[in-house]
PDB file of N, CA and C in Angstrom:
ATOM      1  N   UNK A   1      -2.948   1.152  19.104  1.00  0.00           N
ATOM      2  CA  UNK A   1      -3.501   1.634  17.850  1.00  0.00           C
ATOM      3  C   UNK A   1      -2.921   0.781  16.710  1.00  0.00           C
ATOM      4  N   UNK A   2      -3.773   0.248  15.865  1.00  0.00           N
ATOM      5  CA  UNK A   2      -3.264  -0.554  14.734  1.00  0.00           C
ATOM      6  C   UNK A   2      -2.721   0.341  13.621  1.00  0.00           C
ATOM      7  N   UNK A   3      -1.824  -0.241  12.851  1.00  0.00           N
ATOM      8  CA  UNK A   3      -1.276   0.406  11.659  1.00  0.00           C
ATOM      9  C   UNK A   3      -1.505  -0.517  10.478  1.00  0.00           C
ATOM     10  N   UNK A   4      -1.661   0.069   9.318  1.00  0.00           N
ATOM     11  CA  UNK A   4      -1.955  -0.688   8.112  1.00  0.00           C
ATOM     12  C   UNK A   4      -0.899  -0.421   7.049  1.00  0.00           C
ATOM     13  N   UNK A   5      -0.497  -1.478   6.372  1.00  0.00           N
ATOM     14  CA  UNK A   5       0.319  -1.381   5.169  1.00  0.00           C
ATOM     15  C   UNK A   5      -0.642  -1.665   4.028  1.00  0.00           C
ATOM     16  N   UNK A   6      -0.619  -0.839   3.004  1.00  0.00           N
ATOM     17  CA  UNK A   6      -1.587  -0.994   1.918  1.00  0.00           C
ATOM     18  C   UNK A   6      -0.924  -0.817   0.563  1.00  0.00           C
ATOM     19  N   UNK A   7      -1.579  -1.375  -0.437  1.00  0.00           N
ATOM     20  CA  UNK A   7      -1.126  -1.224  -1.823  1.00  0.00           C
ATOM     21  C   UNK A   7      -2.292  -0.686  -2.643  1.00  0.00           C
ATOM     22  N   UNK A   8      -2.042   0.418  -3.333  1.00  0.00           N
ATOM     23  CA  UNK A   8      -3.031   1.024  -4.221  1.00  0.00           C
ATOM     24  C   UNK A   8      -2.637   0.790  -5.667  1.00  0.00           C
ATOM     25  N   UNK A   9      -3.627   0.631  -6.510  1.00  0.00           N
ATOM     26  CA  UNK A   9      -3.389   0.646  -7.950  1.00  0.00           C
ATOM     27  C   UNK A   9      -3.675   2.053  -8.440  1.00  0.00           C
ATOM     28  N   UNK A  10      -2.757   2.591  -9.238  1.00  0.00           N
ATOM     29  CA  UNK A  10      -2.909   3.951  -9.747  1.00  0.00           C
ATOM     30  C   UNK A  10      -3.309   3.957 -11.215  1.00  0.00           C
ATOM     31  N   UNK A  11      -3.712   5.114 -11.702  1.00  0.00           N
ATOM     32  CA  UNK A  11      -4.194   5.267 -13.067  1.00  0.00           C
ATOM     33  C   UNK A  11      -3.195   4.908 -14.144  1.00  0.00           C
ATOM     34  N   UNK A  12      -1.910   4.965 -13.832  1.00  0.00           N
ATOM     35  CA  UNK A  12      -0.886   4.592 -14.800  1.00  0.00           C
ATOM     36  C   UNK A  12      -0.513   3.109 -14.671  1.00  0.00           C
ATOM     37  N   UNK A  13      -1.339   2.349 -13.941  1.00  0.00           N
ATOM     38  CA  UNK A  13      -1.169   0.908 -13.717  1.00  0.00           C
ATOM     39  C   UNK A  13      -0.023   0.587 -12.756  1.00  0.00           C
ATOM     40  N   UNK A  14       0.497   1.581 -12.052  1.00  0.00           N
ATOM     41  CA  UNK A  14       1.551   1.343 -11.064  1.00  0.00           C
ATOM     42  C   UNK A  14       0.921   0.942  -9.733  1.00  0.00           C
ATOM     43  N   UNK A  15       1.752   0.432  -8.835  1.00  0.00           N
ATOM     44  CA  UNK A  15       1.315   0.036  -7.502  1.00  0.00           C
ATOM     45  C   UNK A  15       2.025   0.914  -6.480  1.00  0.00           C
ATOM     46  N   UNK A  16       1.247   1.572  -5.631  1.00  0.00           N
ATOM     47  CA  UNK A  16       1.785   2.451  -4.600  1.00  0.00           C
ATOM     48  C   UNK A  16       1.612   1.768  -3.246  1.00  0.00           C
ATOM     49  N   UNK A  17       2.673   1.714  -2.451  1.00  0.00           N
ATOM     50  CA  UNK A  17       2.632   1.100  -1.133  1.00  0.00           C
ATOM     51  C   UNK A  17       2.815   2.166  -0.066  1.00  0.00           C
ATOM     52  N   UNK A  18       1.996   2.116   0.983  1.00  0.00           N
ATOM     53  CA  UNK A  18       2.101   3.086   2.065  1.00  0.00           C
ATOM     54  C   UNK A  18       1.661   2.501   3.392  1.00  0.00           C
ATOM     55  N   UNK A  19       1.751   3.319   4.457  1.00  0.00           N
ATOM     56  CA  UNK A  19       1.260   2.918   5.775  1.00  0.00           C
ATOM     57  C   UNK A  19       0.382   4.023   6.341  1.00  0.00           C
ATOM     58  N   UNK A  20      -0.500   3.638   7.259  1.00  0.00           N
ATOM     59  CA  UNK A  20      -1.378   4.598   7.916  1.00  0.00           C
ATOM     60  C   UNK A  20      -1.940   3.983   9.195  1.00  0.00           C
ATOM     61  N   UNK A  21      -2.410   4.832  10.089  1.00  0.00           N
ATOM     62  CA  UNK A  21      -3.086   4.354  11.288  1.00  0.00           C
ATOM     63  C   UNK A  21      -4.608   4.423  11.113  1.00  0.00           C
ATOM     64  N   UNK A  22      -5.065   5.041  10.030  1.00  0.00           N
ATOM     65  CA  UNK A  22      -6.505   5.159   9.755  1.00  0.00           C
ATOM     66  C   UNK A  22      -6.725   4.901   8.262  1.00  0.00           C
ATOM     67  N   UNK A  23      -7.011   3.659   7.933  1.00  0.00           N
ATOM     68  CA  UNK A  23      -7.096   3.250   6.528  1.00  0.00           C
ATOM     69  C   UNK A  23      -8.217   3.977   5.786  1.00  0.00           C
ATOM     70  N   UNK A  24      -9.381   4.107   6.390  1.00  0.00           N
ATOM     71  CA  UNK A  24     -10.501   4.788   5.714  1.00  0.00           C
ATOM     72  C   UNK A  24     -10.166   6.240   5.390  1.00  0.00           C
ATOM     73  N   UNK A  25      -9.629   6.951   6.380  1.00  0.00           N
ATOM     74  CA  UNK A  25      -9.268   8.355   6.155  1.00  0.00           C
ATOM     75  C   UNK A  25      -8.211   8.472   5.051  1.00  0.00           C
ATOM     76  N   UNK A  26      -7.199   7.609   5.119  1.00  0.00           N
ATOM     77  CA  UNK A  26      -6.104   7.686   4.146  1.00  0.00           C
ATOM     78  C   UNK A  26      -6.583   7.393   2.728  1.00  0.00           C
ATOM     79  N   UNK A  27      -7.503   6.442   2.589  1.00  0.00           N
ATOM     80  CA  UNK A  27      -8.033   6.135   1.254  1.00  0.00           C
ATOM     81  C   UNK A  27      -8.813   7.325   0.718  1.00  0.00           C
ATOM     82  N   UNK A  28      -9.594   7.968   1.571  1.00  0.00           N
ATOM     83  CA  UNK A  28     -10.333   9.161   1.133  1.00  0.00           C
ATOM     84  C   UNK A  28      -9.369  10.243   0.653  1.00  0.00           C
ATOM     85  N   UNK A  29      -8.253  10.410   1.369  1.00  0.00           N
ATOM     86  CA  UNK A  29      -7.251  11.397   0.961  1.00  0.00           C
ATOM     87  C   UNK A  29      -6.651  11.034  -0.403  1.00  0.00           C
ATOM     88  N   UNK A  30      -6.256   9.779  -0.558  1.00  0.00           N
ATOM     89  CA  UNK A  30      -5.669   9.361  -1.837  1.00  0.00           C
ATOM     90  C   UNK A  30      -6.659   9.526  -2.985  1.00  0.00           C
ATOM     91  N   UNK A  31      -7.883   9.072  -2.795  1.00  0.00           N
ATOM     92  CA  UNK A  31      -8.865   9.097  -3.882  1.00  0.00           C
ATOM     93  C   UNK A  31      -9.343  10.507  -4.217  1.00  0.00           C
ATOM     94  N   UNK A  32      -9.196  11.429  -3.275  1.00  0.00           N
ATOM     95  CA  UNK A  32      -9.578  12.820  -3.548  1.00  0.00           C
ATOM     96  C   UNK A  32      -8.418  13.611  -4.157  1.00  0.00           C
ATOM     97  N   UNK A  33      -7.246  12.986  -4.278  1.00  0.00           N
ATOM     98  CA  UNK A  33      -6.088  13.658  -4.857  1.00  0.00           C
ATOM     99  C   UNK A  33      -5.239  14.397  -3.843  1.00  0.00           C
ATOM    100  N   UNK A  34      -5.533  14.207  -2.546  1.00  0.00           N
ATOM    101  CA  UNK A  34      -4.802  14.912  -1.494  1.00  0.00           C
ATOM    102  C   UNK A  34      -3.931  13.980  -0.654  1.00  0.00           C
ATOM    103  N   UNK A  35      -3.760  12.735  -1.086  1.00  0.00           N
ATOM    104  CA  UNK A  35      -3.029  11.755  -0.294  1.00  0.00           C
ATOM    105  C   UNK A  35      -1.534  11.979  -0.260  1.00  0.00           C
ATOM    106  N   UNK A  36      -0.940  12.122  -1.413  1.00  0.00           N
ATOM    107  CA  UNK A  36       0.495  12.381  -1.528  1.00  0.00           C
ATOM    108  C   UNK A  36       0.769  12.809  -2.971  1.00  0.00           C
ATOM    109  N   UNK A  37       1.966  13.276  -3.216  1.00  0.00           N
ATOM    110  CA  UNK A  37       2.303  13.772  -4.549  1.00  0.00           C
ATOM    111  C   UNK A  37       2.162  12.677  -5.614  1.00  0.00           C
ATOM    112  N   UNK A  38       2.614  11.452  -5.272  1.00  0.00           N
ATOM    113  CA  UNK A  38       2.572  10.369  -6.262  1.00  0.00           C
ATOM    114  C   UNK A  38       1.136  10.030  -6.662  1.00  0.00           C
ATOM    115  N   UNK A  39       0.271   9.804  -5.682  1.00  0.00           N
ATOM    116  CA  UNK A  39      -1.104   9.418  -6.025  1.00  0.00           C
ATOM    117  C   UNK A  39      -1.917  10.606  -6.545  1.00  0.00           C
ATOM    118  N   UNK A  40      -1.473  11.814  -6.254  1.00  0.00           N
ATOM    119  CA  UNK A  40      -2.118  12.978  -6.856  1.00  0.00           C
ATOM    120  C   UNK A  40      -1.779  13.052  -8.344  1.00  0.00           C
ATOM    121  N   UNK A  41      -0.530  12.717  -8.662  1.00  0.00           N
ATOM    122  CA  UNK A  41      -0.079  12.759 -10.056  1.00  0.00           C
ATOM    123  C   UNK A  41      -0.630  11.612 -10.887  1.00  0.00           C
ATOM    124  N   UNK A  42      -0.671  10.420 -10.297  1.00  0.00           N
ATOM    125  CA  UNK A  42      -1.050   9.229 -11.050  1.00  0.00           C
ATOM    126  C   UNK A  42      -2.412   8.666 -10.656  1.00  0.00           C
ATOM    127  N   UNK A  43      -3.204   9.423  -9.937  1.00  0.00           N
ATOM    128  CA  UNK A  43      -4.598   9.122  -9.594  1.00  0.00           C
ATOM    129  C   UNK A  43      -4.813   7.714  -9.024  1.00  0.00           C
ATOM    130  N   UNK A  44      -4.884   7.655  -7.726  1.00  0.00           N
ATOM    131  CA  UNK A  44      -5.195   6.388  -7.055  1.00  0.00           C
ATOM    132  C   UNK A  44      -6.545   5.894  -7.561  1.00  0.00           C
ATOM    133  N   UNK A  45      -6.600   4.636  -7.969  1.00  0.00           N
ATOM    134  CA  UNK A  45      -7.819   4.069  -8.546  1.00  0.00           C
ATOM    135  C   UNK A  45      -8.519   3.074  -7.621  1.00  0.00           C
ATOM    136  N   UNK A  46      -7.718   2.233  -6.937  1.00  0.00           N
ATOM    137  CA  UNK A  46      -8.324   1.138  -6.196  1.00  0.00           C
ATOM    138  C   UNK A  46      -7.383   0.646  -5.102  1.00  0.00           C
ATOM    139  N   UNK A  47      -7.948   0.381  -3.926  1.00  0.00           N
ATOM    140  CA  UNK A  47      -7.202  -0.283  -2.869  1.00  0.00           C
ATOM    141  C   UNK A  47      -7.125  -1.750  -3.243  1.00  0.00           C
ATOM    142  N   UNK A  48      -5.918  -2.255  -3.418  1.00  0.00           N
ATOM    143  CA  UNK A  48      -5.743  -3.643  -3.851  1.00  0.00           C
ATOM    144  C   UNK A  48      -5.413  -4.589  -2.716  1.00  0.00           C
ATOM    145  N   UNK A  49      -4.816  -4.068  -1.611  1.00  0.00           N
ATOM    146  CA  UNK A  49      -4.348  -4.955  -0.553  1.00  0.00           C
ATOM    147  C   UNK A  49      -4.098  -4.158   0.721  1.00  0.00           C
ATOM    148  N   UNK A  50      -4.326  -4.781   1.874  1.00  0.00           N
ATOM    149  CA  UNK A  50      -3.992  -4.159   3.162  1.00  0.00           C
ATOM    150  C   UNK A  50      -3.694  -5.232   4.193  1.00  0.00           C
ATOM    151  N   UNK A  51      -2.753  -4.936   5.066  1.00  0.00           N
ATOM    152  CA  UNK A  51      -2.392  -5.780   6.201  1.00  0.00           C
ATOM    153  C   UNK A  51      -2.415  -4.915   7.450  1.00  0.00           C
ATOM    154  N   UNK A  52      -2.782  -5.500   8.588  1.00  0.00           N
ATOM    155  CA  UNK A  52      -2.824  -4.765   9.854  1.00  0.00           C
ATOM    156  C   UNK A  52      -1.695  -5.213  10.767  1.00  0.00           C
ATOM    157  N   UNK A  53      -1.085  -4.245  11.455  1.00  0.00           N
ATOM    158  CA  UNK A  53       0.002  -4.507  12.396  1.00  0.00           C
ATOM    159  C   UNK A  53      -0.272  -3.805  13.710  1.00  0.00           C
ATOM    160  N   UNK A  54       0.292  -4.338  14.778  1.00  0.00           N
ATOM    161  CA  UNK A  54       0.089  -3.775  16.112  1.00  0.00           C
ATOM    162  C   UNK A  54       0.888  -2.506  16.361  1.00  0.00           C
ATOM    163  N   UNK A  55       2.056  -2.385  15.722  1.00  0.00           N
ATOM    164  CA  UNK A  55       2.918  -1.226  15.968  1.00  0.00           C
ATOM    165  C   UNK A  55       3.338  -0.554  14.663  1.00  0.00           C
ATOM    166  N   UNK A  56       3.687   0.715  14.790  1.00  0.00           N
ATOM    167  CA  UNK A  56       4.180   1.460  13.632  1.00  0.00           C
ATOM    168  C   UNK A  56       5.491   0.857  13.122  1.00  0.00           C
ATOM    169  N   UNK A  57       6.321   0.410  14.039  1.00  0.00           N
ATOM    170  CA  UNK A  57       7.599  -0.189  13.668  1.00  0.00           C
ATOM    171  C   UNK A  57       7.398  -1.416  12.781  1.00  0.00           C
ATOM    172  N   UNK A  58       6.483  -2.289  13.154  1.00  0.00           N
ATOM    173  CA  UNK A  58       6.197  -3.480  12.346  1.00  0.00           C
ATOM    174  C   UNK A  58       5.705  -3.087  10.959  1.00  0.00           C
ATOM    175  N   UNK A  59       4.794  -2.120  10.919  1.00  0.00           N
ATOM    176  CA  UNK A  59       4.224  -1.685   9.638  1.00  0.00           C
ATOM    177  C   UNK A  59       5.284  -1.038   8.757  1.00  0.00           C
ATOM    178  N   UNK A  60       6.153  -0.232   9.359  1.00  0.00           N
ATOM    179  CA  UNK A  60       7.208   0.440   8.595  1.00  0.00           C
ATOM    180  C   UNK A  60       8.180  -0.574   7.996  1.00  0.00           C
ATOM    181  N   UNK A  61       8.527  -1.587   8.761  1.00  0.00           N
ATOM    182  CA  UNK A  61       9.423  -2.631   8.252  1.00  0.00           C
ATOM    183  C   UNK A  61       8.781  -3.386   7.094  1.00  0.00           C
ATOM    184  N   UNK A  62       7.495  -3.698   7.234  1.00  0.00           N
ATOM    185  CA  UNK A  62       6.793  -4.427   6.171  1.00  0.00           C
ATOM    186  C   UNK A  62       6.653  -3.556   4.924  1.00  0.00           C
ATOM    187  N   UNK A  63       6.347  -2.277   5.109  1.00  0.00           N
ATOM    188  CA  UNK A  63       6.239  -1.365   3.975  1.00  0.00           C
ATOM    189  C   UNK A  63       7.551  -1.328   3.197  1.00  0.00           C
ATOM    190  N   UNK A  64       8.665  -1.206   3.907  1.00  0.00           N
ATOM    191  CA  UNK A  64       9.977  -1.168   3.248  1.00  0.00           C
ATOM    192  C   UNK A  64      10.245  -2.475   2.504  1.00  0.00           C
ATOM    193  N   UNK A  65       9.858  -3.585   3.109  1.00  0.00           N
ATOM    194  CA  UNK A  65      10.052  -4.883   2.461  1.00  0.00           C
ATOM    195  C   UNK A  65       9.274  -4.952   1.157  1.00  0.00           C
ATOM    196  N   UNK A  66       7.998  -4.599   1.204  1.00  0.00           N
ATOM    197  CA  UNK A  66       7.146  -4.666   0.014  1.00  0.00           C
ATOM    198  C   UNK A  66       7.634  -3.693  -1.062  1.00  0.00           C
ATOM    199  N   UNK A  67       8.047  -2.501  -0.661  1.00  0.00           N
ATOM    200  CA  UNK A  67       8.548  -1.525  -1.637  1.00  0.00           C
ATOM    201  C   UNK A  67       9.771  -2.035  -2.383  1.00  0.00           C
ATOM    202  N   UNK A  68      10.519  -2.933  -1.774  1.00  0.00           N
ATOM    203  CA  UNK A  68      11.697  -3.494  -2.418  1.00  0.00           C
ATOM    204  C   UNK A  68      11.392  -4.635  -3.377  1.00  0.00           C
ATOM    205  N   UNK A  69      10.163  -5.073  -3.409  1.00  0.00           N
ATOM    206  CA  UNK A  69       9.764  -6.193  -4.259  1.00  0.00           C
ATOM    207  C   UNK A  69       9.500  -5.754  -5.688  1.00  0.00           C
ATOM    208  N   UNK A  70       9.557  -6.718  -6.584  1.00  0.00           N
ATOM    209  CA  UNK A  70       9.187  -6.484  -7.978  1.00  0.00           C
ATOM    210  C   UNK A  70       7.665  -6.360  -8.080  1.00  0.00           C
ATOM    211  N   UNK A  71       7.217  -5.821  -9.175  1.00  0.00           N
ATOM    212  CA  UNK A  71       5.774  -5.738  -9.432  1.00  0.00           C
ATOM    213  C   UNK A  71       5.145  -7.127  -9.415  1.00  0.00           C
ATOM    214  N   UNK A  72       5.826  -8.100  -9.993  1.00  0.00           N
ATOM    215  CA  UNK A  72       5.307  -9.471 -10.046  1.00  0.00           C
ATOM    216  C   UNK A  72       5.080 -10.028  -8.644  1.00  0.00           C
ATOM    217  N   UNK A  73       6.018  -9.786  -7.760  1.00  0.00           N
ATOM    218  CA  UNK A  73       5.889 -10.291  -6.393  1.00  0.00           C
ATOM    219  C   UNK A  73       4.763  -9.568  -5.648  1.00  0.00           C
ATOM    220  N   UNK A  74       4.611  -8.269  -5.883  1.00  0.00           N
ATOM    221  CA  UNK A  74       3.517  -7.517  -5.261  1.00  0.00           C
ATOM    222  C   UNK A  74       2.161  -8.039  -5.755  1.00  0.00           C
ATOM    223  N   UNK A  75       2.060  -8.307  -7.043  1.00  0.00           N
ATOM    224  CA  UNK A  75       0.811  -8.838  -7.594  1.00  0.00           C
ATOM    225  C   UNK A  75       0.501 -10.216  -7.022  1.00  0.00           C
ATOM    226  N   UNK A  76       1.531 -11.027  -6.796  1.00  0.00           N
ATOM    227  CA  UNK A  76       1.327 -12.341  -6.185  1.00  0.00           C
ATOM    228  C   UNK A  76       0.787 -12.182  -4.762  1.00  0.00           C
ATOM    229  N   UNK A  77       1.311 -11.216  -4.027  1.00  0.00           N
ATOM    230  CA  UNK A  77       0.806 -10.946  -2.676  1.00  0.00           C
ATOM    231  C   UNK A  77      -0.655 -10.535  -2.738  1.00  0.00           C
ATOM    232  N   UNK A  78      -0.977  -9.645  -3.649  1.00  0.00           N
ATOM    233  CA  UNK A  78      -2.349  -9.168  -3.812  1.00  0.00           C
ATOM    234  C   UNK A  78      -3.285 -10.333  -4.129  1.00  0.00           C
ATOM    235  N   UNK A  79      -2.832 -11.222  -4.972  1.00  0.00           N
ATOM    236  CA  UNK A  79      -3.662 -12.360  -5.389  1.00  0.00           C
ATOM    237  C   UNK A  79      -3.715 -13.454  -4.324  1.00  0.00           C
ATOM    238  N   UNK A  80      -2.940 -13.299  -3.251  1.00  0.00           N
ATOM    239  CA  UNK A  80      -3.004 -14.261  -2.172  1.00  0.00           C
ATOM    240  C   UNK A  80      -2.008 -15.384  -2.267  1.00  0.00           C
ATOM    241  N   UNK A  81      -1.098 -15.288  -3.209  1.00  0.00           N
ATOM    242  CA  UNK A  81      -0.073 -16.302  -3.385  1.00  0.00           C
ATOM    243  C   UNK A  81       1.211 -15.788  -2.764  1.00  0.00           C
ATOM    244  N   UNK A  82       1.257 -15.790  -1.448  1.00  0.00           N
ATOM    245  CA  UNK A  82       2.406 -15.261  -0.740  1.00  0.00           C
ATOM    246  C   UNK A  82       3.653 -16.062  -1.056  1.00  0.00           C
ATOM    247  N   UNK A  83       4.708 -15.341  -1.294  1.00  0.00           N
ATOM    248  CA  UNK A  83       6.004 -15.966  -1.528  1.00  0.00           C
ATOM    249  C   UNK A  83       6.885 -15.659  -0.329  1.00  0.00           C
ATOM    250  N   UNK A  84       7.902 -16.437  -0.156  1.00  0.00           N
ATOM    251  CA  UNK A  84       8.828 -16.218   0.946  1.00  0.00           C
ATOM    252  C   UNK A  84       9.460 -14.834   0.800  1.00  0.00           C
ATOM    253  N   UNK A  85       9.400 -14.054   1.857  1.00  0.00           N
ATOM    254  CA  UNK A  85       9.978 -12.703   1.842  1.00  0.00           C
ATOM    255  C   UNK A  85      11.491 -12.787   1.779  1.00  0.00           C
ATOM    256  N   UNK A  86      12.058 -11.926   0.942  1.00  0.00           N
ATOM    257  CA  UNK A  86      13.523 -11.867   0.816  1.00  0.00           C
ATOM    258  C   UNK A  86      14.009 -10.462   1.019  1.00  0.00           C
TER     259      UNK A  86
END
């Protein structure tokens, strides 16, 4: 079963990073206000980025890595200008 790491843009212009095994279902949850407390509060607006992984472990590690990045680095990833992961 594949897992996805994704980045959402929220109504307050923040970027939310998460993981899921069903990207379509999870986006419907976020956009309906039932995804999680953060996206319910700040209204998920748009899926900006997603990556697919073979295992939950890989996806969880990548999610943690991205969450540790600055907004600038996340935006560079979204725009396709990958930088060396640190």
